[in-house]
N, C-alpha and C. Protein backbone atom coordinates (compact mmCIF):
# COMPACT_ATOMS: atom_id res chain seq x y z
N MET A 1 18.09 53.25 -39.55
CA MET A 1 19.03 53.84 -40.49
C MET A 1 20.45 53.82 -39.94
N LEU A 2 20.59 54.25 -38.71
CA LEU A 2 21.93 54.35 -38.14
C LEU A 2 22.26 53.08 -37.37
N LYS A 3 22.72 52.07 -38.10
CA LYS A 3 23.08 50.79 -37.49
C LYS A 3 24.47 50.89 -36.89
N ILE A 4 24.77 50.14 -35.85
CA ILE A 4 26.08 50.18 -35.21
C ILE A 4 27.08 49.40 -36.04
N LEU A 5 28.16 50.06 -36.42
CA LEU A 5 29.28 49.43 -37.11
C LEU A 5 30.52 49.71 -36.29
N LYS A 6 31.47 48.78 -36.29
CA LYS A 6 32.69 48.97 -35.52
C LYS A 6 33.91 48.66 -36.38
N THR A 7 35.05 49.27 -36.02
CA THR A 7 36.29 48.94 -36.68
C THR A 7 37.32 48.60 -35.63
N ASN A 8 38.42 47.97 -36.06
CA ASN A 8 39.47 47.65 -35.10
C ASN A 8 40.37 48.84 -34.85
N GLN A 9 40.17 49.93 -35.56
CA GLN A 9 40.94 51.15 -35.36
C GLN A 9 40.09 52.18 -34.61
N VAL A 10 38.99 52.52 -35.22
CA VAL A 10 38.06 53.47 -34.61
C VAL A 10 36.66 53.05 -35.00
N ALA A 11 35.65 53.55 -34.25
CA ALA A 11 34.27 53.26 -34.61
C ALA A 11 33.80 54.30 -35.61
N LEU A 12 33.19 53.86 -36.70
CA LEU A 12 32.74 54.79 -37.72
C LEU A 12 31.28 55.18 -37.54
N ILE A 13 30.51 54.31 -36.91
CA ILE A 13 29.12 54.59 -36.58
C ILE A 13 28.99 54.36 -35.08
N PRO A 14 28.04 55.04 -34.41
CA PRO A 14 28.06 55.12 -32.96
C PRO A 14 28.21 53.81 -32.21
N GLN A 15 29.04 53.85 -31.19
CA GLN A 15 29.10 52.75 -30.24
C GLN A 15 29.28 53.36 -28.87
N THR A 16 28.79 52.67 -27.85
CA THR A 16 28.93 53.17 -26.49
C THR A 16 29.64 52.10 -25.69
N THR A 17 30.97 52.24 -25.58
CA THR A 17 31.76 51.24 -24.88
C THR A 17 32.46 51.79 -23.65
N THR A 18 32.59 53.11 -23.58
CA THR A 18 33.31 53.72 -22.48
C THR A 18 32.44 54.76 -21.81
N ASN A 19 32.42 54.79 -20.51
CA ASN A 19 31.63 55.77 -19.79
C ASN A 19 32.40 57.06 -19.68
N HIS A 20 31.89 58.12 -20.33
CA HIS A 20 32.52 59.43 -20.25
C HIS A 20 31.63 60.39 -19.49
N ASN A 21 30.92 59.88 -18.53
CA ASN A 21 29.98 60.69 -17.77
C ASN A 21 30.72 61.78 -17.00
N ASP A 22 30.29 63.04 -17.24
CA ASP A 22 30.93 64.16 -16.55
C ASP A 22 30.64 64.16 -15.06
N ARG A 23 29.77 63.30 -14.59
CA ARG A 23 29.42 63.26 -13.17
C ARG A 23 30.32 62.33 -12.38
N ASN A 24 31.31 61.73 -13.03
CA ASN A 24 32.24 60.90 -12.29
C ASN A 24 32.81 61.68 -11.12
N ASP A 25 32.84 61.04 -9.95
CA ASP A 25 33.25 61.74 -8.74
C ASP A 25 34.65 62.31 -8.84
N ASP A 26 35.55 61.60 -9.55
CA ASP A 26 36.93 62.02 -9.58
C ASP A 26 37.24 62.99 -10.72
N LEU A 27 36.30 63.21 -11.65
CA LEU A 27 36.62 63.99 -12.84
C LEU A 27 36.97 65.44 -12.51
N PHE A 28 36.18 66.07 -11.65
CA PHE A 28 36.46 67.47 -11.31
C PHE A 28 37.85 67.62 -10.70
N ASP A 29 38.20 66.71 -9.81
CA ASP A 29 39.53 66.78 -9.18
C ASP A 29 40.64 66.59 -10.22
N ILE A 30 40.43 65.65 -11.14
CA ILE A 30 41.45 65.41 -12.18
C ILE A 30 41.62 66.64 -13.06
N ILE A 31 40.50 67.27 -13.43
CA ILE A 31 40.57 68.47 -14.27
C ILE A 31 41.32 69.58 -13.55
N GLN A 32 41.01 69.77 -12.28
CA GLN A 32 41.70 70.82 -11.51
C GLN A 32 43.19 70.55 -11.43
N GLN A 33 43.55 69.29 -11.20
CA GLN A 33 44.97 68.93 -11.12
C GLN A 33 45.65 69.06 -12.48
N ALA A 34 44.90 68.73 -13.54
CA ALA A 34 45.48 68.75 -14.89
C ALA A 34 45.86 70.15 -15.35
N LYS A 35 45.33 71.16 -14.71
CA LYS A 35 45.66 72.53 -15.09
C LYS A 35 47.11 72.86 -14.79
N THR A 36 47.70 72.11 -13.85
CA THR A 36 49.10 72.37 -13.49
C THR A 36 49.96 71.11 -13.46
N ASN A 37 49.31 69.95 -13.53
CA ASN A 37 50.04 68.68 -13.38
C ASN A 37 49.96 67.87 -14.68
N PRO A 38 51.09 67.69 -15.38
CA PRO A 38 51.10 66.94 -16.64
C PRO A 38 50.60 65.50 -16.49
N GLU A 39 50.86 64.86 -15.35
CA GLU A 39 50.41 63.49 -15.17
C GLU A 39 48.88 63.42 -15.11
N ALA A 40 48.27 64.41 -14.48
CA ALA A 40 46.80 64.45 -14.41
C ALA A 40 46.23 64.71 -15.80
N PHE A 41 46.89 65.57 -16.57
CA PHE A 41 46.41 65.82 -17.93
C PHE A 41 46.52 64.55 -18.78
N ALA A 42 47.59 63.78 -18.57
CA ALA A 42 47.75 62.52 -19.30
C ALA A 42 46.58 61.58 -19.02
N GLU A 43 46.05 61.64 -17.80
CA GLU A 43 44.90 60.80 -17.46
C GLU A 43 43.66 61.25 -18.23
N LEU A 44 43.48 62.57 -18.35
CA LEU A 44 42.37 63.08 -19.15
C LEU A 44 42.54 62.70 -20.62
N TYR A 45 43.77 62.79 -21.09
CA TYR A 45 44.09 62.44 -22.48
C TYR A 45 43.72 60.98 -22.75
N ASP A 46 44.13 60.10 -21.87
CA ASP A 46 43.83 58.68 -22.04
C ASP A 46 42.33 58.41 -22.00
N ARG A 47 41.64 59.19 -21.18
CA ARG A 47 40.20 58.96 -20.99
C ARG A 47 39.39 59.42 -22.19
N TYR A 48 39.84 60.51 -22.84
CA TYR A 48 39.01 61.13 -23.87
C TYR A 48 39.59 61.09 -25.28
N TYR A 49 40.80 60.60 -25.44
CA TYR A 49 41.43 60.63 -26.77
C TYR A 49 40.59 59.88 -27.81
N ASN A 50 40.21 58.64 -27.52
CA ASN A 50 39.46 57.85 -28.50
C ASN A 50 38.11 58.48 -28.82
N LEU A 51 37.47 59.06 -27.83
CA LEU A 51 36.19 59.71 -28.04
C LEU A 51 36.30 60.80 -29.10
N ILE A 52 37.33 61.64 -28.97
CA ILE A 52 37.53 62.75 -29.91
C ILE A 52 38.01 62.25 -31.26
N LEU A 53 38.90 61.26 -31.25
CA LEU A 53 39.39 60.69 -32.51
C LEU A 53 38.23 60.11 -33.33
N ILE A 54 37.35 59.36 -32.67
CA ILE A 54 36.21 58.76 -33.34
C ILE A 54 35.31 59.85 -33.94
N PHE A 55 35.02 60.89 -33.16
CA PHE A 55 34.18 61.99 -33.64
C PHE A 55 34.77 62.64 -34.87
N ILE A 56 36.06 62.96 -34.82
CA ILE A 56 36.70 63.64 -35.94
C ILE A 56 36.77 62.73 -37.16
N ASN A 57 37.08 61.45 -36.95
CA ASN A 57 37.19 60.54 -38.08
C ASN A 57 35.85 60.36 -38.80
N ARG A 58 34.76 60.38 -38.03
CA ARG A 58 33.46 60.27 -38.68
C ARG A 58 33.19 61.46 -39.59
N ARG A 59 33.77 62.62 -39.26
CA ARG A 59 33.54 63.81 -40.06
C ARG A 59 34.46 63.89 -41.27
N VAL A 60 35.69 63.40 -41.14
CA VAL A 60 36.65 63.56 -42.25
C VAL A 60 36.91 62.27 -43.02
N LEU A 61 36.58 61.14 -42.44
CA LEU A 61 36.75 59.81 -43.05
C LEU A 61 38.17 59.62 -43.57
N ASP A 62 39.12 59.97 -42.73
CA ASP A 62 40.54 59.84 -43.10
C ASP A 62 41.29 59.68 -41.78
N LEU A 63 41.79 58.48 -41.51
CA LEU A 63 42.39 58.21 -40.20
C LEU A 63 43.63 59.05 -39.92
N ASP A 64 44.48 59.22 -40.94
CA ASP A 64 45.69 60.03 -40.75
C ASP A 64 45.32 61.48 -40.43
N LEU A 65 44.40 62.03 -41.19
CA LEU A 65 43.94 63.40 -40.94
C LEU A 65 43.27 63.50 -39.58
N ALA A 66 42.44 62.52 -39.24
CA ALA A 66 41.75 62.54 -37.94
C ALA A 66 42.75 62.54 -36.79
N GLU A 67 43.81 61.78 -36.92
CA GLU A 67 44.84 61.74 -35.87
C GLU A 67 45.53 63.09 -35.74
N ASP A 68 45.80 63.74 -36.88
CA ASP A 68 46.42 65.08 -36.85
C ASP A 68 45.50 66.09 -36.17
N LEU A 69 44.24 66.08 -36.56
CA LEU A 69 43.30 67.04 -35.99
C LEU A 69 43.03 66.76 -34.51
N THR A 70 43.08 65.49 -34.13
CA THR A 70 42.92 65.15 -32.71
C THR A 70 44.10 65.66 -31.91
N SER A 71 45.30 65.54 -32.46
CA SER A 71 46.49 66.08 -31.79
C SER A 71 46.37 67.59 -31.63
N ASN A 72 45.90 68.27 -32.69
CA ASN A 72 45.70 69.71 -32.61
C ASN A 72 44.66 70.06 -31.56
N THR A 73 43.62 69.25 -31.49
CA THR A 73 42.55 69.49 -30.51
C THR A 73 43.09 69.42 -29.09
N PHE A 74 43.88 68.39 -28.80
CA PHE A 74 44.39 68.25 -27.44
C PHE A 74 45.46 69.30 -27.12
N TYR A 75 46.13 69.79 -28.14
CA TYR A 75 47.05 70.92 -27.92
C TYR A 75 46.24 72.14 -27.48
N LYS A 76 45.11 72.39 -28.16
CA LYS A 76 44.25 73.52 -27.78
C LYS A 76 43.65 73.30 -26.39
N ILE A 77 43.33 72.05 -26.09
CA ILE A 77 42.74 71.74 -24.79
C ILE A 77 43.72 72.07 -23.66
N ILE A 78 44.96 71.64 -23.82
CA ILE A 78 45.94 71.87 -22.75
C ILE A 78 46.24 73.37 -22.61
N LYS A 79 46.15 74.11 -23.71
CA LYS A 79 46.40 75.55 -23.66
C LYS A 79 45.22 76.30 -23.03
N SER A 80 44.03 75.72 -23.14
CA SER A 80 42.82 76.42 -22.69
C SER A 80 42.25 75.88 -21.39
N LEU A 81 42.84 74.84 -20.86
CA LEU A 81 42.25 74.16 -19.71
C LEU A 81 42.09 75.07 -18.51
N SER A 82 42.98 76.02 -18.34
CA SER A 82 42.89 76.92 -17.19
C SER A 82 41.63 77.77 -17.24
N LYS A 83 41.03 77.92 -18.43
CA LYS A 83 39.83 78.73 -18.59
C LYS A 83 38.55 77.92 -18.40
N TYR A 84 38.70 76.60 -18.32
CA TYR A 84 37.50 75.76 -18.17
C TYR A 84 36.91 75.91 -16.77
N HIS A 85 35.54 75.97 -16.71
CA HIS A 85 34.87 75.98 -15.42
C HIS A 85 33.82 74.89 -15.42
N HIS A 86 33.60 74.32 -14.25
CA HIS A 86 32.83 73.09 -14.13
C HIS A 86 31.34 73.27 -14.41
N LYS A 87 30.86 74.50 -14.60
CA LYS A 87 29.45 74.69 -14.91
C LYS A 87 29.11 74.18 -16.31
N VAL A 88 30.12 74.04 -17.15
CA VAL A 88 29.94 73.52 -18.50
C VAL A 88 30.37 72.06 -18.53
N SER A 89 29.58 71.20 -19.17
CA SER A 89 29.96 69.80 -19.32
C SER A 89 31.35 69.70 -19.95
N PHE A 90 32.24 68.95 -19.31
CA PHE A 90 33.60 68.82 -19.82
C PHE A 90 33.60 68.14 -21.19
N LYS A 91 32.78 67.13 -21.35
CA LYS A 91 32.69 66.43 -22.63
C LYS A 91 32.22 67.38 -23.73
N ALA A 92 31.21 68.18 -23.43
CA ALA A 92 30.72 69.14 -24.42
C ALA A 92 31.79 70.17 -24.76
N TRP A 93 32.55 70.58 -23.76
CA TRP A 93 33.65 71.53 -23.98
C TRP A 93 34.69 70.94 -24.92
N LEU A 94 35.01 69.65 -24.76
CA LEU A 94 35.96 68.98 -25.65
C LEU A 94 35.43 68.92 -27.08
N TYR A 95 34.17 68.57 -27.22
CA TYR A 95 33.57 68.49 -28.55
C TYR A 95 33.58 69.86 -29.24
N ARG A 96 33.36 70.90 -28.49
CA ARG A 96 33.35 72.24 -29.07
C ARG A 96 34.72 72.58 -29.65
N ILE A 97 35.77 72.25 -28.92
CA ILE A 97 37.13 72.51 -29.41
C ILE A 97 37.43 71.66 -30.64
N ALA A 98 37.02 70.38 -30.59
CA ALA A 98 37.25 69.49 -31.73
C ALA A 98 36.48 69.96 -32.96
N LEU A 99 35.25 70.40 -32.77
CA LEU A 99 34.44 70.89 -33.88
C LEU A 99 35.07 72.12 -34.51
N ASN A 100 35.63 73.00 -33.69
CA ASN A 100 36.32 74.18 -34.21
C ASN A 100 37.53 73.78 -35.05
N GLU A 101 38.24 72.73 -34.62
CA GLU A 101 39.38 72.25 -35.40
C GLU A 101 38.94 71.73 -36.76
N ILE A 102 37.85 71.00 -36.79
CA ILE A 102 37.33 70.47 -38.05
C ILE A 102 36.94 71.63 -38.97
N ARG A 103 36.25 72.61 -38.43
CA ARG A 103 35.82 73.76 -39.24
C ARG A 103 37.01 74.55 -39.75
N MET A 104 38.02 74.72 -38.92
CA MET A 104 39.22 75.43 -39.35
C MET A 104 39.91 74.69 -40.48
N TYR A 105 39.94 73.38 -40.37
CA TYR A 105 40.57 72.58 -41.43
C TYR A 105 39.85 72.77 -42.76
N TYR A 106 38.54 72.69 -42.73
CA TYR A 106 37.79 72.80 -43.98
C TYR A 106 37.81 74.21 -44.55
N ARG A 107 38.09 75.20 -43.72
CA ARG A 107 38.22 76.56 -44.23
C ARG A 107 39.62 76.85 -44.77
N SER A 108 40.54 75.99 -44.46
CA SER A 108 41.93 76.26 -44.83
C SER A 108 42.20 75.98 -46.30
N MET A 109 43.22 76.60 -46.84
CA MET A 109 43.64 76.36 -48.22
C MET A 109 44.05 74.91 -48.40
N LYS A 110 44.65 74.34 -47.35
CA LYS A 110 45.08 72.95 -47.42
C LYS A 110 43.91 72.05 -47.73
N SER A 111 42.76 72.34 -47.12
CA SER A 111 41.59 71.50 -47.34
C SER A 111 41.05 71.69 -48.75
N ARG A 112 41.02 72.94 -49.22
CA ARG A 112 40.47 73.20 -50.55
C ARG A 112 41.30 72.55 -51.64
N LEU A 113 42.61 72.40 -51.36
CA LEU A 113 43.48 71.79 -52.36
C LEU A 113 43.56 70.28 -52.21
N LYS A 114 43.01 69.77 -51.10
CA LYS A 114 43.12 68.33 -50.83
C LYS A 114 42.32 67.55 -51.86
N ARG A 115 42.86 66.44 -52.34
CA ARG A 115 42.16 65.62 -53.32
C ARG A 115 40.92 65.01 -52.69
N GLU A 116 39.97 64.63 -53.54
CA GLU A 116 38.79 63.95 -53.06
C GLU A 116 39.19 62.64 -52.39
N TYR A 117 38.46 62.30 -51.36
CA TYR A 117 38.78 61.06 -50.66
C TYR A 117 38.60 59.88 -51.59
N ASP A 118 39.54 58.95 -51.57
CA ASP A 118 39.51 57.77 -52.43
C ASP A 118 38.65 56.70 -51.77
N TYR A 119 37.39 56.59 -52.18
CA TYR A 119 36.48 55.64 -51.57
C TYR A 119 36.87 54.20 -51.89
N GLN A 120 37.43 53.98 -53.08
CA GLN A 120 37.88 52.63 -53.41
C GLN A 120 39.02 52.21 -52.49
N GLU A 121 39.87 53.16 -52.15
CA GLU A 121 40.96 52.87 -51.22
C GLU A 121 40.40 52.49 -49.86
N PHE A 122 39.34 53.20 -49.44
CA PHE A 122 38.69 52.88 -48.17
C PHE A 122 38.13 51.46 -48.18
N LEU A 123 37.47 51.11 -49.28
CA LEU A 123 36.85 49.78 -49.38
C LEU A 123 37.87 48.66 -49.36
N GLN A 124 39.06 48.93 -49.93
CA GLN A 124 40.08 47.89 -50.05
C GLN A 124 41.07 47.90 -48.90
N SER A 125 41.04 48.96 -48.08
CA SER A 125 42.03 49.10 -47.02
C SER A 125 41.83 48.09 -45.89
N ASP A 126 42.96 47.62 -45.33
CA ASP A 126 42.92 46.74 -44.17
C ASP A 126 42.92 47.54 -42.86
N ARG A 127 43.13 48.86 -42.96
CA ARG A 127 43.18 49.68 -41.75
C ARG A 127 41.81 49.75 -41.09
N VAL A 128 40.78 49.70 -41.89
CA VAL A 128 39.43 49.78 -41.35
C VAL A 128 38.72 48.47 -41.65
N THR A 129 38.43 47.73 -40.59
CA THR A 129 37.69 46.47 -40.75
C THR A 129 36.49 46.49 -39.83
N PHE A 130 35.42 45.87 -40.26
CA PHE A 130 34.17 45.89 -39.52
C PHE A 130 33.91 44.56 -38.83
N SER A 131 33.48 44.65 -37.60
CA SER A 131 33.00 43.47 -36.88
C SER A 131 31.48 43.47 -37.01
N ILE A 132 30.95 42.57 -37.79
CA ILE A 132 29.53 42.61 -38.10
C ILE A 132 28.72 42.01 -36.95
N PRO A 133 27.90 42.79 -36.25
CA PRO A 133 27.15 42.29 -35.10
C PRO A 133 25.93 41.47 -35.47
N ASP A 134 25.44 41.61 -36.70
CA ASP A 134 24.20 40.94 -37.07
C ASP A 134 24.27 40.54 -38.53
N VAL A 135 24.54 39.26 -38.81
CA VAL A 135 24.72 38.80 -40.19
C VAL A 135 23.42 38.90 -40.98
N GLU A 136 22.30 39.07 -40.31
CA GLU A 136 21.04 39.24 -41.03
C GLU A 136 21.05 40.51 -41.86
N TYR A 137 21.78 41.53 -41.35
CA TYR A 137 21.81 42.82 -42.04
C TYR A 137 23.00 42.93 -43.00
N TYR A 138 24.09 42.27 -42.71
CA TYR A 138 25.30 42.44 -43.52
C TYR A 138 25.78 41.11 -44.08
N GLU A 139 25.86 41.05 -45.38
CA GLU A 139 26.33 39.83 -46.00
C GLU A 139 27.79 39.59 -45.65
N ASP A 140 28.58 40.65 -45.63
CA ASP A 140 29.98 40.52 -45.29
C ASP A 140 30.55 41.90 -44.93
N GLU A 141 31.81 41.91 -44.64
CA GLU A 141 32.45 43.16 -44.22
C GLU A 141 32.43 44.22 -45.31
N LYS A 142 32.60 43.81 -46.55
CA LYS A 142 32.58 44.75 -47.67
C LYS A 142 31.23 45.44 -47.77
N GLU A 143 30.17 44.68 -47.57
CA GLU A 143 28.82 45.25 -47.60
C GLU A 143 28.66 46.29 -46.49
N ALA A 144 29.22 46.02 -45.33
CA ALA A 144 29.15 46.98 -44.22
C ALA A 144 29.85 48.28 -44.58
N LYS A 145 31.01 48.17 -45.23
CA LYS A 145 31.74 49.37 -45.64
C LYS A 145 30.93 50.17 -46.66
N HIS A 146 30.32 49.46 -47.61
CA HIS A 146 29.50 50.14 -48.61
C HIS A 146 28.36 50.89 -47.95
N ARG A 147 27.73 50.27 -46.97
CA ARG A 147 26.60 50.91 -46.30
C ARG A 147 27.06 52.13 -45.50
N PHE A 148 28.23 52.01 -44.87
CA PHE A 148 28.74 53.17 -44.15
C PHE A 148 29.01 54.32 -45.11
N LEU A 149 29.64 54.03 -46.26
CA LEU A 149 29.93 55.07 -47.23
C LEU A 149 28.66 55.69 -47.78
N LEU A 150 27.63 54.90 -47.91
CA LEU A 150 26.35 55.42 -48.38
C LEU A 150 25.81 56.46 -47.40
N ILE A 151 25.83 56.14 -46.12
CA ILE A 151 25.39 57.09 -45.09
C ILE A 151 26.27 58.33 -45.10
N HIS A 152 27.58 58.13 -45.17
CA HIS A 152 28.53 59.24 -45.17
C HIS A 152 28.29 60.16 -46.37
N THR A 153 28.08 59.57 -47.55
CA THR A 153 27.87 60.34 -48.76
C THR A 153 26.60 61.18 -48.68
N ILE A 154 25.54 60.61 -48.13
CA ILE A 154 24.29 61.35 -48.01
C ILE A 154 24.41 62.48 -46.99
N LEU A 155 25.10 62.24 -45.90
CA LEU A 155 25.30 63.31 -44.92
C LEU A 155 26.07 64.48 -45.51
N LYS A 156 26.98 64.19 -46.44
CA LYS A 156 27.75 65.25 -47.07
C LYS A 156 26.89 66.14 -47.96
N LYS A 157 25.71 65.67 -48.33
CA LYS A 157 24.84 66.42 -49.24
C LYS A 157 23.96 67.43 -48.53
N ILE A 158 23.95 67.40 -47.20
CA ILE A 158 23.14 68.37 -46.46
C ILE A 158 24.06 69.43 -45.89
N PRO A 159 23.55 70.65 -45.63
CA PRO A 159 24.38 71.73 -45.10
C PRO A 159 25.07 71.35 -43.79
N GLU A 160 26.21 71.96 -43.56
CA GLU A 160 27.04 71.63 -42.39
C GLU A 160 26.29 71.82 -41.08
N LYS A 161 25.44 72.84 -41.00
CA LYS A 161 24.74 73.10 -39.73
C LYS A 161 23.82 71.94 -39.35
N TYR A 162 23.23 71.28 -40.35
CA TYR A 162 22.39 70.12 -40.08
C TYR A 162 23.24 68.87 -39.82
N ARG A 163 24.28 68.72 -40.61
CA ARG A 163 25.15 67.55 -40.45
C ARG A 163 25.77 67.51 -39.07
N THR A 164 26.16 68.66 -38.56
CA THR A 164 26.80 68.73 -37.25
C THR A 164 25.84 68.32 -36.14
N VAL A 165 24.63 68.85 -36.15
CA VAL A 165 23.70 68.55 -35.06
C VAL A 165 23.23 67.09 -35.14
N ILE A 166 23.09 66.55 -36.35
CA ILE A 166 22.72 65.14 -36.50
C ILE A 166 23.84 64.24 -35.99
N THR A 167 25.08 64.60 -36.33
CA THR A 167 26.23 63.82 -35.87
C THR A 167 26.32 63.81 -34.35
N LEU A 168 26.18 64.99 -33.74
CA LEU A 168 26.29 65.08 -32.28
C LEU A 168 25.17 64.32 -31.58
N ARG A 169 23.98 64.36 -32.14
CA ARG A 169 22.84 63.73 -31.48
C ARG A 169 22.80 62.22 -31.69
N TYR A 170 22.97 61.77 -32.92
CA TYR A 170 22.76 60.36 -33.22
C TYR A 170 24.04 59.54 -33.32
N PHE A 171 25.13 60.16 -33.67
CA PHE A 171 26.39 59.43 -33.76
C PHE A 171 27.16 59.52 -32.44
N GLU A 172 27.22 60.71 -31.86
CA GLU A 172 27.94 60.89 -30.59
C GLU A 172 27.03 60.68 -29.39
N GLU A 173 25.73 60.64 -29.64
CA GLU A 173 24.74 60.39 -28.60
C GLU A 173 24.79 61.42 -27.46
N LEU A 174 24.97 62.69 -27.82
CA LEU A 174 24.95 63.75 -26.82
C LEU A 174 23.51 64.12 -26.49
N SER A 175 23.31 64.59 -25.29
CA SER A 175 21.99 65.07 -24.89
C SER A 175 21.76 66.44 -25.54
N TYR A 176 20.51 66.91 -25.52
CA TYR A 176 20.22 68.24 -26.06
C TYR A 176 20.99 69.31 -25.29
N ASP A 177 21.07 69.15 -23.98
CA ASP A 177 21.80 70.13 -23.17
C ASP A 177 23.28 70.18 -23.57
N GLU A 178 23.86 69.02 -23.84
CA GLU A 178 25.27 68.99 -24.24
C GLU A 178 25.47 69.61 -25.61
N ILE A 179 24.53 69.36 -26.54
CA ILE A 179 24.63 69.95 -27.87
C ILE A 179 24.51 71.46 -27.79
N VAL A 180 23.64 71.94 -26.91
CA VAL A 180 23.51 73.38 -26.68
C VAL A 180 24.85 73.97 -26.26
N MET A 181 25.55 73.28 -25.37
CA MET A 181 26.86 73.75 -24.90
C MET A 181 27.90 73.72 -26.02
N VAL A 182 27.86 72.68 -26.85
CA VAL A 182 28.84 72.56 -27.94
C VAL A 182 28.64 73.66 -28.97
N LEU A 183 27.39 73.89 -29.36
CA LEU A 183 27.10 74.80 -30.46
C LEU A 183 26.83 76.24 -30.02
N GLY A 184 26.55 76.42 -28.72
CA GLY A 184 26.23 77.76 -28.24
C GLY A 184 24.90 78.26 -28.76
N LYS A 185 23.95 77.35 -28.97
CA LYS A 185 22.63 77.70 -29.47
C LYS A 185 21.57 77.33 -28.44
N LYS A 186 20.37 77.87 -28.60
CA LYS A 186 19.27 77.54 -27.71
C LYS A 186 18.75 76.15 -28.04
N VAL A 187 18.14 75.49 -27.05
CA VAL A 187 17.66 74.13 -27.25
C VAL A 187 16.60 74.07 -28.34
N GLY A 188 15.77 75.10 -28.43
CA GLY A 188 14.76 75.14 -29.48
C GLY A 188 15.38 75.19 -30.87
N THR A 189 16.49 75.91 -30.99
CA THR A 189 17.20 76.00 -32.27
C THR A 189 17.81 74.66 -32.63
N VAL A 190 18.39 73.99 -31.62
CA VAL A 190 18.99 72.67 -31.85
C VAL A 190 17.93 71.69 -32.34
N LYS A 191 16.78 71.65 -31.69
CA LYS A 191 15.72 70.73 -32.09
C LYS A 191 15.20 71.05 -33.49
N SER A 192 15.13 72.34 -33.80
CA SER A 192 14.67 72.75 -35.13
C SER A 192 15.67 72.32 -36.21
N LEU A 193 16.96 72.50 -35.94
CA LEU A 193 18.00 72.08 -36.89
C LEU A 193 17.96 70.58 -37.10
N LEU A 194 17.76 69.86 -36.00
CA LEU A 194 17.70 68.40 -36.08
C LEU A 194 16.51 67.96 -36.93
N HIS A 195 15.36 68.55 -36.68
CA HIS A 195 14.16 68.20 -37.43
C HIS A 195 14.34 68.49 -38.92
N ARG A 196 14.85 69.67 -39.23
CA ARG A 196 15.02 70.04 -40.63
C ARG A 196 16.08 69.18 -41.32
N GLY A 197 17.14 68.87 -40.57
CA GLY A 197 18.20 68.04 -41.14
C GLY A 197 17.71 66.64 -41.48
N LEU A 198 16.95 66.05 -40.56
CA LEU A 198 16.41 64.71 -40.80
C LEU A 198 15.41 64.72 -41.95
N LYS A 199 14.68 65.80 -42.08
CA LYS A 199 13.73 65.93 -43.18
C LYS A 199 14.46 65.96 -44.51
N ARG A 200 15.58 66.65 -44.56
CA ARG A 200 16.38 66.71 -45.79
C ARG A 200 16.96 65.34 -46.13
N ILE A 201 17.44 64.65 -45.11
CA ILE A 201 17.98 63.31 -45.33
C ILE A 201 16.90 62.39 -45.88
N ARG A 202 15.71 62.48 -45.32
CA ARG A 202 14.60 61.63 -45.75
C ARG A 202 14.28 61.88 -47.23
N LYS A 203 14.34 63.14 -47.65
CA LYS A 203 14.07 63.47 -49.05
C LYS A 203 15.13 62.87 -49.97
N ILE A 204 16.39 62.91 -49.51
CA ILE A 204 17.47 62.34 -50.31
C ILE A 204 17.28 60.84 -50.44
N TYR A 205 16.90 60.19 -49.35
CA TYR A 205 16.66 58.74 -49.38
C TYR A 205 15.57 58.41 -50.41
N GLU A 206 14.50 59.18 -50.32
CA GLU A 206 13.38 58.90 -51.21
C GLU A 206 13.75 59.16 -52.67
N LYS A 207 14.52 60.21 -52.88
CA LYS A 207 14.94 60.55 -54.25
C LYS A 207 15.81 59.48 -54.83
N GLN A 208 16.68 58.91 -54.01
CA GLN A 208 17.57 57.87 -54.48
C GLN A 208 16.91 56.48 -54.49
N ASN A 209 15.69 56.44 -53.93
CA ASN A 209 14.94 55.19 -53.88
C ASN A 209 15.80 54.09 -53.24
N ALA A 210 16.46 54.47 -52.10
CA ALA A 210 17.37 53.52 -51.43
C ALA A 210 16.67 52.89 -50.24
N THR A 211 17.11 51.71 -49.90
CA THR A 211 16.63 51.00 -48.71
C THR A 211 17.74 51.02 -47.68
N PHE A 212 17.44 51.55 -46.48
CA PHE A 212 18.46 51.71 -45.45
C PHE A 212 18.20 50.80 -44.27
N LEU A 213 19.19 50.84 -43.37
CA LEU A 213 19.17 49.92 -42.24
C LEU A 213 18.03 50.23 -41.28
């Protein structure tokens, strides 16, 4: 179902191209330095900016909005970095801040007044282009965009609590331990949400009588 799709701007469906392993030997030192040194923070920014931008864009499907929310996220990160402690995965900590920004946006009046996303504009836009890895599955780039929108539309039909855990697990490829840190829930709760969310998606697929990747 979740086939890898890529864009020349951001990845819309999961890809693993950069190692963001929190166990990097130099990461702890960089984080400590970044608490007081702008140059060290710039290194963290360069290392994690695309990761957060991709995550946010998958949730909002709007590059301009995703860039704004990513900027807000890193503003919160730099303000809160002094409170970070190494017992928590740094990547999970970043996702938690980004997720809070997304939730704040959707709770805001600005979001409620925002027009529905123009899917035709997405399909026709040159800002998002797909590099098709397997022509057996995709007739062309337009077909890839349609399939992505199909997945996105179905995810929007399930409650946010399920959509979030599915996104973190299958799109962001976080471990259960990392998801626990992001959501502040027990691992059993995370697994239960994941199971129930996938079950709901399966029902939607069957109801629509659709064939997926």
